[in-house]
Amino acid sequence: MKTGYLKFILRTFSLLSVIPAVNLYAVAPGQEEAKKEDLSLQRVKNEKSLKVCSDAGFLPFEMKTQKGEWMGFDIDMMKEFSKSLSVGLKMVQISFDGIIPALISGKCDMIAAGMTVTPERKVMVLFSDSTFTSGLSIAVKNNEKNKLEFKDLSSLDKKGLKIAVKTGYTSDIYLSKTLKNAQILKFDQDSDLVLAVMQGRANAFVSDSTYVDLMDKGNKNKFIILPTKIISDSFSVAGRKDDYELMKSFNVFLKQWRENGGYNKSKKFYFEDQVWRSQVAN
């Protein structure tokens, strides 16, 4: 091979090496949108089952009867939503601190677990319209010393004091940001918060106002209820970030459920009448 020809070949190769690589598998315009077609609602209808992740024990939103059957305000809501889609409902028990990863990994289609909308969660999941509005309350043991010493959350923020919360709940997030001195005790079950205070392992527990009120009524004169700065907190159902069609369908259902009286009927049953108490497992 002649020297001049060899130099030409080498120079040509070096020029080609600096040209950006061409992606032979690039998606043509318009095809990317087709790839992202939202089949979330159709998937649930095809499978004829709506899988919902929840964490039983958050009264009266999600709980289990003495026979192990699911019941609660959120459960009624998801049962009615399933009926509107003409599919069955499958409840999936997941500890609350692992419930978002369970949704993302495909163990369920939606979350209904008394979940509040926070900026941190909005990054990870798609939220529905508000399903319930509540707040946070504090419960301390009812005695003369506590009546004099504790008036609000700031009076509990002292070294040596312990406050019980449920892992991952709004109370956990709020107190972790707010408290400077008191120790936060984290539990996996709502009932453990109540026991921690009653047994003297914690000075107080903080949870959703509705739950605190129920525990107060169920344990007459055993607690003093104190306010927090969170007096209006919105619960919502959660779905995967790209499941817009499924969430859109839920929001349409929720609006109709409110309008046809189903929402208020269920709310009255669980929050006012409370005849379900004898059915719930201890």
C-alpha atoms as a PDB file:
ATOM      1  CA  MET A   1       0.000   0.000   0.000  1.00  0.00           C
ATOM      2  CA  LYS A   2       1.353   3.408  -0.935  1.00  0.00           C
ATOM      3  CA  THR A   3       2.325   5.781   1.910  1.00  0.00           C
ATOM      4  CA  GLY A   4       0.076   8.606   0.620  1.00  0.00           C
ATOM      5  CA  TYR A   5      -2.983   6.351   0.431  1.00  0.00           C
ATOM      6  CA  LEU A   6      -2.343   5.016   3.932  1.00  0.00           C
ATOM      7  CA  LYS A   7      -2.201   8.576   5.328  1.00  0.00           C
ATOM      8  CA  PHE A   8      -5.527   9.349   3.612  1.00  0.00           C
ATOM      9  CA  ILE A   9      -7.206   6.316   5.227  1.00  0.00           C
ATOM     10  CA  LEU A  10      -5.882   7.166   8.690  1.00  0.00           C
ATOM     11  CA  ARG A  11      -6.948  10.798   8.432  1.00  0.00           C
ATOM     12  CA  THR A  12     -10.453   9.818   7.277  1.00  0.00           C
ATOM     13  CA  PHE A  13     -10.820   7.387  10.206  1.00  0.00           C
ATOM     14  CA  SER A  14      -9.740  10.061  12.714  1.00  0.00           C
ATOM     15  CA  LEU A  15     -12.327  12.509  11.383  1.00  0.00           C
ATOM     16  CA  LEU A  16     -15.118   9.945  11.631  1.00  0.00           C
ATOM     17  CA  SER A  17     -14.163   9.214  15.218  1.00  0.00           C
ATOM     18  CA  VAL A  18     -15.061  12.745  16.349  1.00  0.00           C
ATOM     19  CA  ILE A  19     -18.481  12.786  14.630  1.00  0.00           C
ATOM     20  CA  PRO A  20     -21.261  12.168  17.173  1.00  0.00           C
ATOM     21  CA  ALA A  21     -22.621   8.627  17.003  1.00  0.00           C
ATOM     22  CA  VAL A  22     -25.899   8.203  15.186  1.00  0.00           C
ATOM     23  CA  ASN A  23     -28.573   6.441  17.213  1.00  0.00           C
ATOM     24  CA  LEU A  24     -29.977   3.859  14.817  1.00  0.00           C
ATOM     25  CA  TYR A  25     -32.761   3.142  17.313  1.00  0.00           C
ATOM     26  CA  ALA A  26     -33.926   6.740  17.797  1.00  0.00           C
ATOM     27  CA  VAL A  27     -37.690   7.110  18.132  1.00  0.00           C
ATOM     28  CA  ALA A  28     -39.272   8.932  15.216  1.00  0.00           C
ATOM     29  CA  PRO A  29     -41.345  12.059  15.974  1.00  0.00           C
ATOM     30  CA  GLY A  30     -44.780  11.069  17.273  1.00  0.00           C
ATOM     31  CA  GLN A  31     -43.729   7.563  18.319  1.00  0.00           C
ATOM     32  CA  GLU A  32     -42.517   8.705  21.756  1.00  0.00           C
ATOM     33  CA  GLU A  33     -46.012   9.914  22.612  1.00  0.00           C
ATOM     34  CA  ALA A  34     -47.465   6.564  21.588  1.00  0.00           C
ATOM     35  CA  LYS A  35     -44.960   4.818  23.820  1.00  0.00           C
ATOM     36  CA  LYS A  36     -46.186   6.843  26.800  1.00  0.00           C
ATOM     37  CA  GLU A  37     -49.844   6.023  26.225  1.00  0.00           C
ATOM     38  CA  ASP A  38     -51.525   5.820  29.623  1.00  0.00           C
ATOM     39  CA  LEU A  39     -53.111   2.383  29.991  1.00  0.00           C
ATOM     40  CA  SER A  40     -53.476   2.496  33.782  1.00  0.00           C
ATOM     41  CA  LEU A  41     -57.286   2.489  33.785  1.00  0.00           C
ATOM     42  CA  GLN A  42     -57.526  -0.089  31.012  1.00  0.00           C
ATOM     43  CA  ARG A  43     -55.045  -2.323  32.831  1.00  0.00           C
ATOM     44  CA  VAL A  44     -57.241  -2.415  35.951  1.00  0.00           C
ATOM     45  CA  LYS A  45     -60.323  -3.180  33.835  1.00  0.00           C
ATOM     46  CA  ASN A  46     -58.501  -5.917  31.928  1.00  0.00           C
ATOM     47  CA  GLU A  47     -57.317  -7.529  35.150  1.00  0.00           C
ATOM     48  CA  LYS A  48     -60.825  -7.091  36.612  1.00  0.00           C
ATOM     49  CA  SER A  49     -59.236  -6.182  39.933  1.00  0.00           C
ATOM     50  CA  LEU A  50     -58.165  -2.974  41.660  1.00  0.00           C
ATOM     51  CA  LYS A  51     -55.263  -3.589  44.028  1.00  0.00           C
ATOM     52  CA  VAL A  52     -55.080  -1.062  46.868  1.00  0.00           C
ATOM     53  CA  CYS A  53     -52.243  -0.797  49.391  1.00  0.00           C
ATOM     54  CA  SER A  54     -53.191   0.185  52.933  1.00  0.00           C
ATOM     55  CA  ASP A  55     -52.116  -0.250  56.552  1.00  0.00           C
ATOM     56  CA  ALA A  56     -54.840  -1.555  58.853  1.00  0.00           C
ATOM     57  CA  GLY A  57     -55.042   0.017  62.301  1.00  0.00           C
ATOM     58  CA  PHE A  58     -55.646   3.677  61.446  1.00  0.00           C
ATOM     59  CA  LEU A  59     -59.176   3.961  62.857  1.00  0.00           C
ATOM     60  CA  PRO A  60     -61.674   4.582  61.397  1.00  0.00           C
ATOM     61  CA  PHE A  61     -60.119   4.875  57.942  1.00  0.00           C
ATOM     62  CA  GLU A  62     -58.638   1.402  57.545  1.00  0.00           C
ATOM     63  CA  MET A  63     -58.981  -1.443  60.009  1.00  0.00           C
ATOM     64  CA  LYS A  64     -59.756  -5.143  60.235  1.00  0.00           C
ATOM     65  CA  THR A  65     -62.643  -6.901  61.920  1.00  0.00           C
ATOM     66  CA  GLN A  66     -62.198  -9.707  64.410  1.00  0.00           C
ATOM     67  CA  LYS A  67     -62.653 -12.058  61.437  1.00  0.00           C
ATOM     68  CA  GLY A  68     -59.773 -10.382  59.592  1.00  0.00           C
ATOM     69  CA  GLU A  69     -61.935  -8.561  57.059  1.00  0.00           C
ATOM     70  CA  TRP A  70     -61.098  -5.031  55.947  1.00  0.00           C
ATOM     71  CA  MET A  71     -63.416  -2.173  56.876  1.00  0.00           C
ATOM     72  CA  GLY A  72     -63.261   1.586  57.309  1.00  0.00           C
ATOM     73  CA  PHE A  73     -64.033   4.869  55.604  1.00  0.00           C
ATOM     74  CA  ASP A  74     -61.245   4.473  53.025  1.00  0.00           C
ATOM     75  CA  ILE A  75     -62.223   0.840  52.448  1.00  0.00           C
ATOM     76  CA  ASP A  76     -65.851   1.787  51.747  1.00  0.00           C
ATOM     77  CA  MET A  77     -64.612   4.458  49.354  1.00  0.00           C
ATOM     78  CA  MET A  78     -62.398   2.055  47.410  1.00  0.00           C
ATOM     79  CA  LYS A  79     -65.122  -0.610  47.338  1.00  0.00           C
ATOM     80  CA  GLU A  80     -67.494   1.880  45.735  1.00  0.00           C
ATOM     81  CA  PHE A  81     -64.814   3.008  43.292  1.00  0.00           C
ATOM     82  CA  SER A  82     -64.181  -0.612  42.294  1.00  0.00           C
ATOM     83  CA  LYS A  83     -67.897  -1.110  41.712  1.00  0.00           C
ATOM     84  CA  SER A  84     -67.953   1.956  39.468  1.00  0.00           C
ATOM     85  CA  LEU A  85     -65.254   0.285  37.342  1.00  0.00           C
ATOM     86  CA  SER A  86     -67.024  -3.104  37.424  1.00  0.00           C
ATOM     87  CA  VAL A  87     -63.952  -4.758  38.942  1.00  0.00           C
ATOM     88  CA  GLY A  88     -63.169  -6.501  42.226  1.00  0.00           C
ATOM     89  CA  LEU A  89     -61.204  -4.935  45.072  1.00  0.00           C
ATOM     90  CA  LYS A  90     -58.069  -6.522  46.512  1.00  0.00           C
ATOM     91  CA  MET A  91     -56.670  -4.893  49.655  1.00  0.00           C
ATOM     92  CA  VAL A  92     -52.923  -5.312  50.192  1.00  0.00           C
ATOM     93  CA  GLN A  93     -51.537  -4.903  53.728  1.00  0.00           C
ATOM     94  CA  ILE A  94     -48.296  -2.882  53.705  1.00  0.00           C
ATOM     95  CA  SER A  95     -46.560  -1.149  56.597  1.00  0.00           C
ATOM     96  CA  PHE A  96     -47.025   2.601  56.120  1.00  0.00           C
ATOM     97  CA  ASP A  97     -43.315   3.429  55.887  1.00  0.00           C
ATOM     98  CA  GLY A  98     -43.014   1.060  52.904  1.00  0.00           C
ATOM     99  CA  ILE A  99     -46.299   1.838  51.218  1.00  0.00           C
ATOM    100  CA  ILE A 100     -45.021   4.245  48.527  1.00  0.00           C
ATOM    101  CA  PRO A 101     -42.217   1.871  47.424  1.00  0.00           C
ATOM    102  CA  ALA A 102     -44.859  -0.902  47.253  1.00  0.00           C
ATOM    103  CA  LEU A 103     -46.981   1.245  44.924  1.00  0.00           C
ATOM    104  CA  ILE A 104     -44.054   2.208  42.707  1.00  0.00           C
ATOM    105  CA  SER A 105     -42.869  -1.411  42.433  1.00  0.00           C
ATOM    106  CA  GLY A 106     -46.319  -2.519  41.230  1.00  0.00           C
ATOM    107  CA  LYS A 107     -47.624  -4.367  44.287  1.00  0.00           C
ATOM    108  CA  CYS A 108     -50.772  -2.283  44.036  1.00  0.00           C
ATOM    109  CA  ASP A 109     -52.509   0.193  41.738  1.00  0.00           C
ATOM    110  CA  MET A 110     -53.331   2.838  44.363  1.00  0.00           C
ATOM    111  CA  ILE A 111     -52.794   3.760  48.008  1.00  0.00           C
ATOM    112  CA  ALA A 112     -55.701   4.460  50.364  1.00  0.00           C
ATOM    113  CA  ALA A 113     -54.191   4.827  53.808  1.00  0.00           C
ATOM    114  CA  GLY A 114     -55.149   8.168  55.307  1.00  0.00           C
ATOM    115  CA  MET A 115     -52.175   9.685  53.513  1.00  0.00           C
ATOM    116  CA  THR A 116     -51.692  13.444  53.703  1.00  0.00           C
ATOM    117  CA  VAL A 117     -50.418  15.436  50.766  1.00  0.00           C
ATOM    118  CA  THR A 118     -46.884  16.752  51.334  1.00  0.00           C
ATOM    119  CA  PRO A 119     -44.331  18.287  48.944  1.00  0.00           C
ATOM    120  CA  GLU A 120     -42.004  15.341  49.576  1.00  0.00           C
ATOM    121  CA  ARG A 121     -44.665  12.785  48.638  1.00  0.00           C
ATOM    122  CA  LYS A 122     -45.825  14.761  45.595  1.00  0.00           C
ATOM    123  CA  VAL A 123     -42.392  14.192  44.077  1.00  0.00           C
ATOM    124  CA  MET A 124     -42.959  10.423  44.242  1.00  0.00           C
ATOM    125  CA  VAL A 125     -46.692   9.893  43.661  1.00  0.00           C
ATOM    126  CA  LEU A 126     -49.763  11.354  41.982  1.00  0.00           C
ATOM    127  CA  PHE A 127     -52.436  12.519  44.425  1.00  0.00           C
ATOM    128  CA  SER A 128     -56.198  12.550  43.985  1.00  0.00           C
ATOM    129  CA  ASP A 129     -58.550  15.335  44.986  1.00  0.00           C
ATOM    130  CA  SER A 130     -58.934  15.618  48.751  1.00  0.00           C
ATOM    131  CA  THR A 131     -60.848  12.697  50.266  1.00  0.00           C
ATOM    132  CA  PHE A 132     -60.918  14.011  53.854  1.00  0.00           C
ATOM    133  CA  THR A 133     -59.754  17.042  55.823  1.00  0.00           C
ATOM    134  CA  SER A 134     -58.410  16.744  59.354  1.00  0.00           C
ATOM    135  CA  GLY A 135     -55.426  17.983  61.390  1.00  0.00           C
ATOM    136  CA  LEU A 136     -52.988  16.902  64.101  1.00  0.00           C
ATOM    137  CA  SER A 137     -53.657  16.671  67.826  1.00  0.00           C
ATOM    138  CA  ILE A 138     -51.630  15.798  70.926  1.00  0.00           C
ATOM    139  CA  ALA A 139     -52.705  13.384  73.654  1.00  0.00           C
ATOM    140  CA  VAL A 140     -51.090  13.314  77.103  1.00  0.00           C
ATOM    141  CA  LYS A 141     -52.040  11.263  80.139  1.00  0.00           C
ATOM    142  CA  ASN A 142     -54.785  12.843  82.201  1.00  0.00           C
ATOM    143  CA  ASN A 143     -53.339  13.884  85.571  1.00  0.00           C
ATOM    144  CA  GLU A 144     -52.927  17.111  87.542  1.00  0.00           C
ATOM    145  CA  LYS A 145     -49.207  17.453  86.775  1.00  0.00           C
ATOM    146  CA  ASN A 146     -49.784  17.261  83.007  1.00  0.00           C
ATOM    147  CA  LYS A 147     -52.727  19.683  83.201  1.00  0.00           C
ATOM    148  CA  LEU A 148     -50.439  22.312  84.714  1.00  0.00           C
ATOM    149  CA  GLU A 149     -47.326  21.571  82.656  1.00  0.00           C
ATOM    150  CA  PHE A 150     -48.559  20.925  79.084  1.00  0.00           C
ATOM    151  CA  LYS A 151     -50.588  23.409  77.044  1.00  0.00           C
ATOM    152  CA  ASP A 152     -49.349  22.852  73.484  1.00  0.00           C
ATOM    153  CA  LEU A 153     -46.546  21.231  71.473  1.00  0.00           C
ATOM    154  CA  SER A 154     -43.934  23.816  72.482  1.00  0.00           C
ATOM    155  CA  SER A 155     -44.472  22.980  76.156  1.00  0.00           C
ATOM    156  CA  LEU A 156     -43.593  19.360  75.325  1.00  0.00           C
ATOM    157  CA  ASP A 157     -40.416  20.248  73.459  1.00  0.00           C
ATOM    158  CA  LYS A 158     -38.057  19.728  76.397  1.00  0.00           C
ATOM    159  CA  LYS A 159     -35.083  17.458  76.960  1.00  0.00           C
ATOM    160  CA  GLY A 160     -36.051  14.261  78.690  1.00  0.00           C
ATOM    161  CA  LEU A 161     -39.589  14.225  77.264  1.00  0.00           C
ATOM    162  CA  LYS A 162     -40.660  11.609  74.727  1.00  0.00           C
ATOM    163  CA  ILE A 163     -43.354  11.928  72.065  1.00  0.00           C
ATOM    164  CA  ALA A 164     -44.727   8.925  70.185  1.00  0.00           C
ATOM    165  CA  VAL A 165     -45.587   9.062  66.466  1.00  0.00           C
ATOM    166  CA  LYS A 166     -46.254   6.562  63.710  1.00  0.00           C
ATOM    167  CA  THR A 167     -43.338   6.077  61.319  1.00  0.00           C
ATOM    168  CA  GLY A 168     -43.807   8.025  58.083  1.00  0.00           C
ATOM    169  CA  TYR A 169     -47.037   9.741  59.130  1.00  0.00           C
ATOM    170  CA  THR A 170     -47.522  13.498  58.919  1.00  0.00           C
ATOM    171  CA  SER A 171     -46.972  13.663  62.678  1.00  0.00           C
ATOM    172  CA  ASP A 172     -43.543  12.067  62.184  1.00  0.00           C
ATOM    173  CA  ILE A 173     -42.630  14.495  59.388  1.00  0.00           C
ATOM    174  CA  TYR A 174     -44.006  17.547  61.213  1.00  0.00           C
ATOM    175  CA  LEU A 175     -42.386  16.807  64.582  1.00  0.00           C
ATOM    176  CA  SER A 176     -39.049  15.882  63.001  1.00  0.00           C
ATOM    177  CA  LYS A 177     -38.956  19.378  61.496  1.00  0.00           C
ATOM    178  CA  THR A 178     -40.419  21.204  64.499  1.00  0.00           C
ATOM    179  CA  LEU A 179     -38.998  19.735  67.701  1.00  0.00           C
ATOM    180  CA  LYS A 180     -35.579  20.811  68.969  1.00  0.00           C
ATOM    181  CA  ASN A 181     -35.261  19.044  72.314  1.00  0.00           C
ATOM    182  CA  ALA A 182     -37.860  16.324  72.921  1.00  0.00           C
ATOM    183  CA  GLN A 183     -37.171  12.770  71.768  1.00  0.00           C
ATOM    184  CA  ILE A 184     -39.364  11.328  69.022  1.00  0.00           C
ATOM    185  CA  LEU A 185     -40.337   7.674  69.480  1.00  0.00           C
ATOM    186  CA  LYS A 186     -41.411   6.039  66.223  1.00  0.00           C
ATOM    187  CA  PHE A 187     -43.815   3.090  66.080  1.00  0.00           C
ATOM    188  CA  ASP A 188     -45.181   0.972  63.235  1.00  0.00           C
ATOM    189  CA  GLN A 189     -48.721   0.631  64.603  1.00  0.00           C
ATOM    190  CA  ASP A 190     -51.168   3.348  65.657  1.00  0.00           C
ATOM    191  CA  SER A 191     -52.248   1.370  68.718  1.00  0.00           C
ATOM    192  CA  ASP A 192     -48.646   1.369  69.968  1.00  0.00           C
ATOM    193  CA  LEU A 193     -48.769   5.154  70.326  1.00  0.00           C
ATOM    194  CA  VAL A 194     -51.682   4.886  72.753  1.00  0.00           C
ATOM    195  CA  LEU A 195     -50.031   2.092  74.735  1.00  0.00           C
ATOM    196  CA  ALA A 196     -46.747   4.017  74.960  1.00  0.00           C
ATOM    197  CA  VAL A 197     -48.493   6.901  76.746  1.00  0.00           C
ATOM    198  CA  MET A 198     -50.737   4.742  78.914  1.00  0.00           C
ATOM    199  CA  GLN A 199     -47.760   2.631  80.026  1.00  0.00           C
ATOM    200  CA  GLY A 200     -45.563   5.670  80.703  1.00  0.00           C
ATOM    201  CA  ARG A 201     -43.014   4.981  77.949  1.00  0.00           C
ATOM    202  CA  ALA A 202     -43.928   8.280  76.270  1.00  0.00           C
ATOM    203  CA  ASN A 203     -45.192  11.587  77.630  1.00  0.00           C
ATOM    204  CA  ALA A 204     -47.491  12.166  74.668  1.00  0.00           C
ATOM    205  CA  PHE A 205     -48.509  10.897  71.270  1.00  0.00           C
ATOM    206  CA  VAL A 206     -49.301  12.967  68.195  1.00  0.00           C
ATOM    207  CA  SER A 207     -51.544  11.753  65.380  1.00  0.00           C
ATOM    208  CA  ASP A 208     -54.405  12.719  63.102  1.00  0.00           C
ATOM    209  CA  SER A 209     -57.051  14.632  65.042  1.00  0.00           C
ATOM    210  CA  THR A 210     -59.772  12.172  64.075  1.00  0.00           C
ATOM    211  CA  TYR A 211     -57.785   9.216  65.415  1.00  0.00           C
ATOM    212  CA  VAL A 212     -56.848  11.070  68.617  1.00  0.00           C
ATOM    213  CA  ASP A 213     -60.504  11.964  69.156  1.00  0.00           C
ATOM    214  CA  LEU A 214     -61.563   8.322  68.720  1.00  0.00           C
ATOM    215  CA  MET A 215     -58.911   7.135  71.163  1.00  0.00           C
ATOM    216  CA  ASP A 216     -60.044   9.766  73.643  1.00  0.00           C
ATOM    217  CA  LYS A 217     -63.661   8.636  73.395  1.00  0.00           C
ATOM    218  CA  GLY A 218     -62.659   4.997  73.652  1.00  0.00           C
ATOM    219  CA  ASN A 219     -60.542   5.630  76.759  1.00  0.00           C
ATOM    220  CA  LYS A 220     -62.743   8.045  78.678  1.00  0.00           C
ATOM    221  CA  ASN A 221     -60.936  10.541  80.944  1.00  0.00           C
ATOM    222  CA  LYS A 222     -57.539   8.929  80.346  1.00  0.00           C
ATOM    223  CA  PHE A 223     -56.160  11.639  78.041  1.00  0.00           C
ATOM    224  CA  ILE A 224     -55.857  15.406  77.802  1.00  0.00           C
ATOM    225  CA  ILE A 225     -56.106  16.568  74.176  1.00  0.00           C
ATOM    226  CA  LEU A 226     -53.941  19.489  73.081  1.00  0.00           C
ATOM    227  CA  PRO A 227     -53.825  21.353  69.748  1.00  0.00           C
ATOM    228  CA  THR A 228     -51.009  21.708  67.215  1.00  0.00           C
ATOM    229  CA  LYS A 229     -50.430  24.334  64.544  1.00  0.00           C
ATOM    230  CA  ILE A 230     -51.697  21.915  61.901  1.00  0.00           C
ATOM    231  CA  ILE A 231     -55.459  22.312  62.100  1.00  0.00           C
ATOM    232  CA  SER A 232     -56.338  21.484  58.484  1.00  0.00           C
ATOM    233  CA  ASP A 233     -54.652  18.594  56.735  1.00  0.00           C
ATOM    234  CA  SER A 234     -55.827  16.964  53.515  1.00  0.00           C
ATOM    235  CA  PHE A 235     -55.965  13.194  52.963  1.00  0.00           C
ATOM    236  CA  SER A 236     -55.829  11.838  49.422  1.00  0.00           C
ATOM    237  CA  VAL A 237     -55.574   8.609  47.490  1.00  0.00           C
ATOM    238  CA  ALA A 238     -52.212   8.135  45.767  1.00  0.00           C
ATOM    239  CA  GLY A 239     -51.228   6.542  42.453  1.00  0.00           C
ATOM    240  CA  ARG A 240     -48.136   6.164  40.324  1.00  0.00           C
ATOM    241  CA  LYS A 241     -46.890   9.373  38.703  1.00  0.00           C
ATOM    242  CA  ASP A 242     -47.878   8.357  35.149  1.00  0.00           C
ATOM    243  CA  ASP A 243     -51.267   6.795  35.994  1.00  0.00           C
ATOM    244  CA  TYR A 244     -53.295   9.873  35.084  1.00  0.00           C
ATOM    245  CA  GLU A 245     -56.247   8.015  33.552  1.00  0.00           C
ATOM    246  CA  LEU A 246     -56.802   5.877  36.645  1.00  0.00           C
ATOM    247  CA  MET A 247     -56.572   8.922  38.918  1.00  0.00           C
ATOM    248  CA  LYS A 248     -58.846  10.950  36.643  1.00  0.00           C
ATOM    249  CA  SER A 249     -61.424   8.159  36.882  1.00  0.00           C
ATOM    250  CA  PHE A 250     -61.146   8.154  40.679  1.00  0.00           C
ATOM    251  CA  ASN A 251     -61.660  11.918  40.906  1.00  0.00           C
ATOM    252  CA  VAL A 252     -64.797  11.648  38.757  1.00  0.00           C
ATOM    253  CA  PHE A 253     -66.067   8.876  41.034  1.00  0.00           C
ATOM    254  CA  LEU A 254     -65.256  10.859  44.198  1.00  0.00           C
ATOM    255  CA  LYS A 255     -67.250  13.845  42.961  1.00  0.00           C
ATOM    256  CA  GLN A 256     -70.219  11.601  42.158  1.00  0.00           C
ATOM    257  CA  TRP A 257     -69.937   9.751  45.489  1.00  0.00           C
ATOM    258  CA  ARG A 258     -70.185  13.077  47.299  1.00  0.00           C
ATOM    259  CA  GLU A 259     -73.133  14.216  45.186  1.00  0.00           C
ATOM    260  CA  ASN A 260     -75.176  11.014  45.543  1.00  0.00           C
ATOM    261  CA  GLY A 261     -74.861  11.004  49.347  1.00  0.00           C
ATOM    262  CA  GLY A 262     -72.590   7.979  49.649  1.00  0.00           C
ATOM    263  CA  TYR A 263     -69.738  10.030  51.099  1.00  0.00           C
ATOM    264  CA  ASN A 264     -71.810  11.545  53.922  1.00  0.00           C
ATOM    265  CA  LYS A 265     -73.462   8.200  54.672  1.00  0.00           C
ATOM    266  CA  SER A 266     -70.097   6.515  55.160  1.00  0.00           C
ATOM    267  CA  LYS A 267     -68.754   9.488  57.099  1.00  0.00           C
ATOM    268  CA  LYS A 268     -71.709   9.395  59.480  1.00  0.00           C
ATOM    269  CA  PHE A 269     -71.332   5.647  60.016  1.00  0.00           C
ATOM    270  CA  TYR A 270     -67.631   5.779  60.886  1.00  0.00           C
ATOM    271  CA  PHE A 271     -67.237   9.150  62.569  1.00  0.00           C
ATOM    272  CA  GLU A 272     -70.562   9.738  64.301  1.00  0.00           C
ATOM    273  CA  ASP A 273     -72.467   6.501  64.897  1.00  0.00           C
ATOM    274  CA  GLN A 274     -69.341   4.388  65.531  1.00  0.00           C
ATOM    275  CA  VAL A 275     -71.362   1.159  65.750  1.00  0.00           C
ATOM    276  CA  TRP A 276     -68.408  -0.559  64.071  1.00  0.00           C
ATOM    277  CA  ARG A 277     -66.330  -0.482  67.274  1.00  0.00           C
ATOM    278  CA  SER A 278     -67.587  -3.879  68.476  1.00  0.00           C
ATOM    279  CA  GLN A 279     -66.525  -5.472  65.177  1.00  0.00           C
ATOM    280  CA  VAL A 280     -62.921  -4.265  65.165  1.00  0.00           C
ATOM    281  CA  ALA A 281     -60.125  -6.527  66.340  1.00  0.00           C
ATOM    282  CA  ASN A 282     -58.456  -5.406  69.572  1.00  0.00           C
END
